[in-house]
Amino acid sequence: MSAVTLTPAAREALRDDEVVFFDWHVTGLCCADAGEFSVRPLRRSRLPKRARGLLPDMVYAHPTAWVHLAGAPVVIDCRPLWRWRRFTTDLPPDAGLRCCLGRPLYGSSHGR
């Protein structure tokens, strides 16, 4: 399983009926694995049926995103932006590209 950590700000920003959802957005035309991650709050009742849970139990992921995140240490934070909640991660900005090329999310250049 993944070592996902929610910061106190992220925990406080979630409403009682919400979870954090890692989505996978296909960006490649030739294969479905080419894509990028996004993270957003989502009501439990609106979770896709194929969503897979990550630890802790308030974090879920699209099946393709889950494959890439399983076992990766990820920190989720929330930075309010006026009236909106903006959930962010410490994933590298090129995380989706790294996954598609078979490279680790956190290499020696990331300091982990």
Protein backbone atom coordinates (compact mmCIF):
# COMPACT_ATOMS: atom_id res chain seq x y z
CA MET A 1 0.00 0.00 0.00
CA SER A 2 0.95 3.61 -0.34
CA ALA A 3 2.42 5.72 2.44
CA VAL A 4 0.07 8.68 1.97
CA THR A 5 0.19 11.41 4.59
CA LEU A 6 -2.40 14.15 4.96
CA THR A 7 -1.18 17.39 6.50
CA PRO A 8 -3.31 18.92 9.27
CA ALA A 9 -4.47 21.59 6.78
CA ALA A 10 -5.66 18.88 4.35
CA ARG A 11 -7.51 17.00 7.10
CA GLU A 12 -9.24 20.17 8.25
CA ALA A 13 -10.21 21.16 4.70
CA LEU A 14 -12.04 17.88 4.08
CA ARG A 15 -15.72 17.88 4.97
CA ASP A 16 -17.23 14.96 6.89
CA ASP A 17 -18.52 13.21 3.76
CA GLU A 18 -15.42 13.85 1.59
CA VAL A 19 -12.29 11.96 0.64
CA VAL A 20 -9.22 12.91 -1.40
CA PHE A 21 -9.26 11.41 -4.90
CA PHE A 22 -6.23 10.95 -7.19
CA ASP A 23 -7.48 11.07 -10.75
CA TRP A 24 -5.62 10.01 -13.88
CA HIS A 25 -5.94 12.12 -17.02
CA VAL A 26 -4.94 10.46 -20.27
CA THR A 27 -2.64 12.71 -22.27
CA GLY A 28 -1.23 10.27 -24.82
CA LEU A 29 -2.96 9.28 -28.01
CA CYS A 30 -1.17 6.01 -28.52
CA CYS A 31 -1.59 4.33 -25.14
CA ALA A 32 -3.83 4.76 -22.12
CA ASP A 33 -0.91 4.77 -19.70
CA ALA A 34 0.37 8.18 -20.81
CA GLY A 35 -1.17 10.70 -18.47
CA GLU A 36 -0.99 12.97 -15.47
CA PHE A 37 -2.26 12.98 -11.88
CA SER A 38 -4.67 15.40 -10.29
CA VAL A 39 -5.91 15.45 -6.73
CA ARG A 40 -9.24 16.81 -5.53
CA PRO A 41 -11.84 16.41 -2.80
CA LEU A 42 -14.81 14.23 -3.65
CA ARG A 43 -17.90 13.12 -1.75
CA ARG A 44 -17.77 9.42 -0.83
CA SER A 45 -21.10 8.92 -2.57
CA ARG A 46 -19.58 10.23 -5.85
CA LEU A 47 -16.51 7.99 -5.84
CA PRO A 48 -16.18 5.97 -9.05
CA LYS A 49 -16.94 2.27 -8.53
CA ARG A 50 -13.44 1.35 -9.70
CA ALA A 51 -11.69 3.68 -7.23
CA ARG A 52 -9.07 1.91 -5.13
CA GLY A 53 -8.28 2.86 -1.58
CA LEU A 54 -4.94 4.07 -0.33
CA LEU A 55 -3.94 4.42 3.30
CA PRO A 56 -5.35 6.29 5.20
CA ASP A 57 -8.95 5.38 4.41
CA MET A 58 -9.78 8.91 3.29
CA VAL A 59 -7.61 8.72 0.16
CA TYR A 60 -8.68 6.94 -3.05
CA ALA A 61 -7.24 6.70 -6.55
CA HIS A 62 -8.23 5.93 -10.11
CA PRO A 63 -6.99 2.37 -10.90
CA THR A 64 -4.25 3.61 -13.24
CA ALA A 65 -3.09 6.23 -10.73
CA TRP A 66 -3.19 3.63 -7.94
CA VAL A 67 -0.76 1.38 -9.82
CA HIS A 68 1.78 4.19 -9.95
CA LEU A 69 1.21 5.43 -6.39
CA ALA A 70 1.23 2.07 -4.58
CA GLY A 71 4.22 2.11 -2.25
CA ALA A 72 5.21 5.71 -3.01
CA PRO A 73 5.48 8.17 -0.12
CA VAL A 74 3.09 11.03 -0.92
CA VAL A 75 2.17 14.06 1.20
CA ILE A 76 -1.15 15.79 0.50
CA ASP A 77 -1.64 19.41 1.56
CA CYS A 78 -4.44 21.92 1.12
CA ARG A 79 -3.85 25.55 0.33
CA PRO A 80 -6.95 27.69 0.42
CA LEU A 81 -7.23 30.02 -2.52
CA TRP A 82 -9.82 32.63 -1.62
CA ARG A 83 -13.09 30.60 -1.49
CA TRP A 84 -11.65 27.45 -3.07
CA ARG A 85 -9.68 24.59 -1.57
CA ARG A 86 -6.63 23.62 -3.60
CA PHE A 87 -5.26 20.20 -2.73
CA THR A 88 -1.62 19.65 -3.71
CA THR A 89 0.93 16.85 -3.40
CA ASP A 90 4.68 16.65 -3.14
CA LEU A 91 4.83 14.56 -6.31
CA PRO A 92 7.36 15.85 -8.84
CA PRO A 93 5.80 18.05 -11.55
CA ASP A 94 6.67 15.41 -14.16
CA ALA A 95 5.27 12.48 -12.14
CA GLY A 96 2.96 11.25 -14.90
CA LEU A 97 5.76 11.31 -17.48
CA ARG A 98 8.08 9.45 -15.11
CA CYS A 99 5.46 6.75 -14.59
CA CYS A 100 4.88 6.37 -18.32
CA LEU A 101 8.63 5.96 -18.93
CA GLY A 102 9.05 3.43 -16.14
CA ARG A 103 11.13 5.76 -13.98
CA PRO A 104 10.64 6.03 -10.21
CA LEU A 105 8.51 8.87 -8.91
CA TYR A 106 11.23 9.80 -6.43
CA GLY A 107 14.74 9.44 -7.80
CA SER A 108 18.07 10.56 -6.48
CA SER A 109 17.52 14.04 -7.94
CA HIS A 110 14.42 14.53 -5.77
CA GLY A 111 16.35 13.93 -2.55
CA ARG A 112 14.43 10.92 -1.33
